[in-house]
């Protein structure tokens, strides 16, 4: 598959998702706009509960947005009717976080990989050719196709999950914490596999993770989220080496450091408790934890704007 450089595959505009609960309205994703370029890996990072997985599912329309639009390959996904959406799903797939619960333990590996092919009525002869090609690409031995998931390790099960996600030859794959449940050594193997598959199949990834070391390894661009909002979005090198949003800087400073003598001063700068998505702060949602916050931060919500070659939502970006 040929990849058009810098061609936009997906564009989300003003996506918002609110969940009504007994305690109030949870503002999970608030007015998020972004693009994903064809053939790239856009990483979505942030702490647990910041809205990363919700945003990924909104882009795939696995959950319905409260407002906003998603356009992929010229088609407005958020406007598709049920049958139209089912047909369009061939183009976008999801790799789940937990390889232990995301595949059916009662099915053989062959049946698990064949499941999406059957759902889209792919002829049986073609199914077998696709399955054999996928197990070769993902490093699953063909003689293991009649085995069951409990006979595999976590890393092997995730390979099965990846093969199933790629069975319909999608264009966009949302990887939702795909290595967080794996041992460190297996994480590296899985990341290398995802990278190789991207090159061979022309895939585009939205890679969701809270692990900045993993994101640094696999991403082209990085999108940092806090409490349902985008804080900073730009090329990986700029985000990692020259962060402009205070929250990005604090995230990077919290990356584990093997040498305790090199503890980073920024780790101690966060102020107050994490605010609630039910009642987020006025203005900048990070301001109650930010040591650089001023009166303007409480009075006016900062929008994303161009700062040193990346987008940053901060009234007073770092220099």
Protein backbone atom coordinates (compact mmCIF):
# COMPACT_ATOMS: atom_id res chain seq x y z
CA UNK A 1 0.00 0.00 0.00
CA UNK A 2 1.46 3.37 -0.98
CA UNK A 3 1.35 6.11 1.64
CA UNK A 4 0.74 9.73 0.70
CA UNK A 5 3.10 11.72 2.84
CA UNK A 6 1.41 14.34 5.02
CA UNK A 7 -2.05 13.40 3.73
CA UNK A 8 -4.72 13.66 6.41
CA UNK A 9 -6.45 10.34 7.05
CA UNK A 10 -8.67 11.39 9.96
CA UNK A 11 -9.86 14.72 11.30
CA UNK A 12 -11.81 15.21 14.50
CA UNK A 13 -13.46 18.56 15.18
CA UNK A 14 -14.77 19.77 18.55
CA UNK A 15 -15.38 16.26 19.92
CA UNK A 16 -17.14 16.24 23.26
CA UNK A 17 -18.33 13.36 25.40
CA UNK A 18 -20.27 13.74 28.63
CA UNK A 19 -21.54 10.91 30.81
CA UNK A 20 -24.45 11.49 33.17
CA UNK A 21 -24.03 9.79 36.54
CA UNK A 22 -25.70 9.93 39.94
CA UNK A 23 -22.98 12.39 41.02
CA UNK A 24 -23.35 14.73 38.05
CA UNK A 25 -22.07 15.09 34.50
CA UNK A 26 -18.61 13.67 33.84
CA UNK A 27 -16.80 15.80 31.26
CA UNK A 28 -14.71 12.97 29.78
CA UNK A 29 -13.68 14.66 26.51
CA UNK A 30 -14.18 18.39 26.01
CA UNK A 31 -13.97 20.14 22.64
CA UNK A 32 -11.05 18.12 21.24
CA UNK A 33 -9.89 18.73 17.68
CA UNK A 34 -6.99 16.91 16.02
CA UNK A 35 -5.82 15.31 12.78
CA UNK A 36 -4.03 12.03 12.11
CA UNK A 37 -1.79 11.86 9.06
CA UNK A 38 -1.74 8.82 6.82
CA UNK A 39 1.05 6.41 7.77
CA UNK A 40 2.04 8.10 11.04
CA UNK A 41 1.85 7.08 14.69
CA UNK A 42 0.13 9.71 16.81
CA UNK A 43 0.57 8.97 20.50
CA UNK A 44 -2.09 10.01 22.99
CA UNK A 45 -0.67 10.34 26.51
CA UNK A 46 -1.84 11.44 29.92
CA UNK A 47 -2.70 10.14 33.37
CA UNK A 48 -5.42 7.58 34.00
CA UNK A 49 -8.85 9.18 33.69
CA UNK A 50 -7.77 11.99 31.37
CA UNK A 51 -10.05 10.78 28.54
CA UNK A 52 -7.52 8.99 26.30
CA UNK A 53 -9.44 5.74 25.80
CA UNK A 54 -12.75 7.58 25.53
CA UNK A 55 -11.32 9.73 22.75
CA UNK A 56 -10.02 6.64 20.93
CA UNK A 57 -13.45 5.04 21.03
CA UNK A 58 -15.10 8.26 19.88
CA UNK A 59 -12.85 8.32 16.81
CA UNK A 60 -13.92 4.74 15.99
CA UNK A 61 -17.52 5.58 16.91
CA UNK A 62 -17.65 2.72 19.36
CA UNK A 63 -19.35 5.27 21.60
CA UNK A 64 -21.46 8.18 20.39
CA UNK A 65 -20.15 11.73 20.90
CA UNK A 66 -22.23 14.30 22.74
CA UNK A 67 -21.19 16.70 19.99
CA UNK A 68 -18.51 17.11 17.34
CA UNK A 69 -17.56 15.32 14.12
CA UNK A 70 -15.08 12.72 12.89
CA UNK A 71 -14.15 12.60 9.19
CA UNK A 72 -12.02 9.72 7.88
CA UNK A 73 -10.91 9.39 4.29
CA UNK A 74 -13.48 11.99 3.25
CA UNK A 75 -16.37 10.21 5.01
CA UNK A 76 -18.07 11.75 8.03
CA UNK A 77 -18.06 8.78 10.38
CA UNK A 78 -20.31 10.51 12.92
CA UNK A 79 -23.06 10.87 10.28
CA UNK A 80 -23.12 7.24 9.08
CA UNK A 81 -26.25 5.15 9.58
CA UNK A 82 -25.95 1.78 11.28
CA UNK A 83 -25.42 -0.37 8.17
CA UNK A 84 -23.13 2.21 6.57
CA UNK A 85 -21.06 2.32 9.75
CA UNK A 86 -20.79 -1.48 9.87
CA UNK A 87 -19.36 -1.55 6.33
CA UNK A 88 -17.00 1.32 7.09
CA UNK A 89 -15.57 -0.48 10.12
CA UNK A 90 -13.31 -2.50 7.80
CA UNK A 91 -11.15 0.62 7.63
CA UNK A 92 -10.66 1.08 11.38
CA UNK A 93 -9.88 -1.41 14.10
CA UNK A 94 -8.92 -1.55 17.78
CA UNK A 95 -6.15 -3.44 19.57
CA UNK A 96 -7.19 -3.91 23.18
CA UNK A 97 -5.12 -3.47 26.32
CA UNK A 98 -5.61 -6.85 27.95
CA UNK A 99 -4.69 -9.92 25.87
CA UNK A 100 -6.23 -12.13 28.56
CA UNK A 101 -9.78 -10.82 28.30
CA UNK A 102 -9.99 -9.47 24.74
CA UNK A 103 -10.09 -12.85 23.00
CA UNK A 104 -12.63 -15.64 23.48
CA UNK A 105 -11.07 -18.52 25.49
CA UNK A 106 -13.52 -21.02 23.92
CA UNK A 107 -12.30 -20.40 20.37
CA UNK A 108 -9.19 -21.70 18.64
CA UNK A 109 -6.64 -19.22 17.36
CA UNK A 110 -7.79 -19.91 13.80
CA UNK A 111 -11.40 -19.06 14.67
CA UNK A 112 -10.39 -15.93 16.59
CA UNK A 113 -8.49 -14.51 13.60
CA UNK A 114 -11.24 -15.62 11.20
CA UNK A 115 -14.04 -13.99 13.24
CA UNK A 116 -13.95 -10.55 11.53
CA UNK A 117 -13.54 -12.22 8.12
CA UNK A 118 -16.72 -14.22 8.68
CA UNK A 119 -18.53 -11.12 9.90
CA UNK A 120 -17.83 -9.48 6.55
CA UNK A 121 -18.61 -12.62 4.50
CA UNK A 122 -15.10 -13.11 3.14
CA UNK A 123 -15.09 -16.39 1.11
CA UNK A 124 -13.67 -19.37 3.01
CA UNK A 125 -10.80 -19.95 0.58
CA UNK A 126 -9.73 -16.35 0.93
CA UNK A 127 -10.03 -16.59 4.72
CA UNK A 128 -7.45 -19.36 4.91
CA UNK A 129 -4.96 -17.42 2.76
CA UNK A 130 -5.44 -14.29 4.89
CA UNK A 131 -5.04 -16.23 8.16
CA UNK A 132 -1.80 -17.89 7.02
CA UNK A 133 -0.42 -14.56 5.84
CA UNK A 134 -1.29 -12.91 9.17
CA UNK A 135 0.25 -15.60 11.36
CA UNK A 136 3.45 -15.32 9.33
CA UNK A 137 3.51 -11.52 9.70
CA UNK A 138 2.76 -11.61 13.44
CA UNK A 139 5.14 -14.46 14.29
CA UNK A 140 2.53 -17.08 15.23
CA UNK A 141 3.51 -20.60 14.18
CA UNK A 142 0.92 -22.12 11.78
CA UNK A 143 0.75 -25.35 13.79
CA UNK A 144 -0.58 -23.32 16.74
CA UNK A 145 -3.77 -22.34 14.90
CA UNK A 146 -5.77 -25.18 16.47
CA UNK A 147 -4.69 -24.31 20.00
CA UNK A 148 -6.66 -22.24 22.53
CA UNK A 149 -5.71 -18.94 24.21
CA UNK A 150 -4.96 -20.54 27.61
CA UNK A 151 -2.06 -22.38 25.96
CA UNK A 152 -0.30 -19.09 25.15
CA UNK A 153 1.66 -16.50 27.09
CA UNK A 154 0.47 -12.89 27.36
CA UNK A 155 2.76 -11.74 24.56
CA UNK A 156 1.58 -14.53 22.26
CA UNK A 157 -2.05 -13.73 23.01
CA UNK A 158 -1.45 -10.10 22.12
CA UNK A 159 0.00 -11.25 18.79
CA UNK A 160 -3.27 -13.09 18.22
CA UNK A 161 -5.20 -9.92 19.08
CA UNK A 162 -3.07 -7.93 16.65
CA UNK A 163 -3.61 -10.51 13.88
CA UNK A 164 -7.38 -10.36 14.44
CA UNK A 165 -7.36 -6.53 14.32
CA UNK A 166 -5.48 -6.60 11.00
CA UNK A 167 -7.57 -9.34 9.35
CA UNK A 168 -9.67 -6.86 7.35
CA UNK A 169 -6.61 -4.83 6.27
CA UNK A 170 -7.68 -1.61 8.04
CA UNK A 171 -6.20 1.81 7.41
CA UNK A 172 -6.44 3.14 10.98
CA UNK A 173 -5.65 1.08 14.08
CA UNK A 174 -6.29 2.45 17.56
CA UNK A 175 -3.85 0.77 19.95
CA UNK A 176 -5.29 1.19 23.45
CA UNK A 177 -2.45 0.57 25.93
CA UNK A 178 -1.44 -2.53 23.90
CA UNK A 179 1.70 -3.33 25.92
CA UNK A 180 0.81 -2.17 29.44
CA UNK A 181 -0.20 -5.69 30.56
CA UNK A 182 3.03 -7.27 29.25
CA UNK A 183 6.46 -7.80 30.79
CA UNK A 184 9.09 -5.24 29.79
CA UNK A 185 11.01 -7.62 27.51
CA UNK A 186 7.79 -8.65 25.75
CA UNK A 187 6.78 -4.99 25.43
CA UNK A 188 9.82 -4.33 23.25
CA UNK A 189 9.04 -7.32 21.01
CA UNK A 190 5.43 -6.20 20.60
CA UNK A 191 6.41 -2.61 19.80
CA UNK A 192 8.88 -3.85 17.19
CA UNK A 193 6.14 -6.03 15.71
CA UNK A 194 3.72 -3.09 15.50
CA UNK A 195 6.39 -0.97 13.82
CA UNK A 196 7.22 -3.70 11.28
CA UNK A 197 3.54 -4.24 10.48
CA UNK A 198 3.07 -0.52 9.98
CA UNK A 199 5.85 -0.49 7.40
CA UNK A 200 4.65 -3.63 5.60
CA UNK A 201 0.94 -2.82 5.56
CA UNK A 202 0.92 0.98 5.41
CA UNK A 203 -0.93 1.29 8.70
CA UNK A 204 -1.78 4.44 10.61
CA UNK A 205 -1.77 4.23 14.42
CA UNK A 206 -3.36 6.15 17.23
CA UNK A 207 -1.26 4.81 20.11
CA UNK A 208 -2.78 5.37 23.56
CA UNK A 209 -0.45 5.06 26.54
CA UNK A 210 0.47 6.51 29.92
CA UNK A 211 4.07 5.26 29.53
CA UNK A 212 6.21 8.04 28.08
CA UNK A 213 9.17 5.71 27.45
CA UNK A 214 6.97 3.51 25.24
CA UNK A 215 5.56 6.54 23.44
CA UNK A 216 9.05 7.93 22.80
CA UNK A 217 9.99 4.67 21.11
CA UNK A 218 7.07 4.33 18.70
CA UNK A 219 5.49 7.74 18.02
CA UNK A 220 5.94 10.40 15.33
CA UNK A 221 3.79 13.02 17.04
CA UNK A 222 2.54 13.27 20.62
CA UNK A 223 -0.77 14.60 21.94
CA UNK A 224 -0.84 15.30 25.70
CA UNK A 225 -4.23 15.27 27.45
CA UNK A 226 -5.30 16.46 30.88
CA UNK A 227 -8.84 16.15 32.24
CA UNK A 228 -10.49 15.78 28.82
CA UNK A 229 -8.55 18.58 27.10
CA UNK A 230 -5.50 18.69 24.83
CA UNK A 231 -2.60 20.51 26.49
CA UNK A 232 0.09 20.12 23.87
CA UNK A 233 0.36 18.51 20.44
CA UNK A 234 3.39 18.33 18.21
CA UNK A 235 6.41 16.39 16.90
CA UNK A 236 7.84 13.91 19.38
CA UNK A 237 11.28 15.56 19.58
CA UNK A 238 9.83 18.94 20.48
CA UNK A 239 7.47 17.52 23.10
CA UNK A 240 10.16 15.44 24.79
CA UNK A 241 13.11 17.81 24.69
CA UNK A 242 11.41 21.22 24.73
CA UNK A 243 7.98 20.95 26.42
CA UNK A 244 6.06 24.22 26.51
CA UNK A 245 3.02 23.28 28.61
CA UNK A 246 3.69 22.92 32.36
CA UNK A 247 1.71 19.66 32.51
CA UNK A 248 3.85 18.10 29.78
CA UNK A 249 6.95 19.07 31.73
CA UNK A 250 5.58 17.48 34.90
CA UNK A 251 4.66 14.29 33.05
CA UNK A 252 8.19 14.01 31.69
CA UNK A 253 9.70 14.69 35.10
CA UNK A 254 7.65 11.81 36.55
CA UNK A 255 9.27 9.30 34.18
CA UNK A 256 11.08 6.71 36.36
CA UNK A 257 14.78 7.44 36.82
CA UNK A 258 17.02 4.45 37.66
CA UNK A 259 19.52 6.66 39.51
CA UNK A 260 17.84 8.15 42.63
CA UNK A 261 20.52 10.88 42.73
CA UNK A 262 19.07 12.26 39.49
CA UNK A 263 15.61 12.94 40.93
CA UNK A 264 14.01 15.74 38.94
CA UNK A 265 13.02 18.89 40.80
CA UNK A 266 9.79 19.30 38.79
CA UNK A 267 8.33 16.20 40.45
CA UNK A 268 7.66 18.22 43.61
CA UNK A 269 6.08 21.25 41.93
CA UNK A 270 2.52 19.99 41.44
CA UNK A 271 0.06 21.78 43.71
CA UNK A 272 -3.19 20.46 45.21
CA UNK A 273 -5.24 17.39 44.34
CA UNK A 274 -6.24 16.26 40.87
CA UNK A 275 -9.49 18.10 40.02
CA UNK A 276 -12.68 16.18 39.28
CA UNK A 277 -14.03 15.73 35.72
CA UNK A 278 -17.49 16.24 37.24
CA UNK A 279 -16.59 19.75 38.36
CA UNK A 280 -13.49 20.88 36.43
CA UNK A 281 -11.83 24.20 37.33
CA UNK A 282 -12.80 27.36 35.46
CA UNK A 283 -10.40 28.62 32.83
CA UNK A 284 -7.40 26.32 32.44
CA UNK A 285 -8.20 22.89 33.87
CA UNK A 286 -4.59 22.42 35.00
CA UNK A 287 -4.36 25.71 36.88
CA UNK A 288 -5.14 24.31 40.35
CA UNK A 289 -2.01 22.16 40.12
CA UNK A 290 0.17 24.57 38.17
CA UNK A 291 2.76 26.67 40.09
CA UNK A 292 2.86 29.15 37.21
CA UNK A 293 -0.90 29.92 37.22
CA UNK A 294 -2.06 33.56 37.32
CA UNK A 295 -5.42 35.33 37.46
CA UNK A 296 -5.92 35.05 33.71
CA UNK A 297 -5.69 31.23 33.95
CA UNK A 298 -8.81 31.15 36.16
CA UNK A 299 -10.74 33.71 34.15
CA UNK A 300 -10.15 32.47 30.60
CA UNK A 301 -9.71 29.02 29.11
CA UNK A 302 -6.61 28.89 26.88
CA UNK A 303 -7.11 27.56 23.37
CA UNK A 304 -4.56 25.64 21.34
CA UNK A 305 -2.20 27.99 19.55
CA UNK A 306 1.07 27.72 17.66
CA UNK A 307 4.09 27.88 19.98
CA UNK A 308 7.55 26.99 18.65
CA UNK A 309 6.31 24.57 16.01
CA UNK A 310 3.69 22.79 18.11
CA UNK A 311 0.20 23.52 19.46
CA UNK A 312 0.00 24.47 23.12
CA UNK A 313 -2.99 25.41 25.28
CA UNK A 314 -1.35 27.69 27.82
CA UNK A 315 -1.55 31.44 28.47
CA UNK A 316 2.05 31.45 29.69
CA UNK A 317 3.97 28.71 27.88
CA UNK A 318 7.37 27.73 29.23
CA UNK A 319 10.52 29.05 27.58
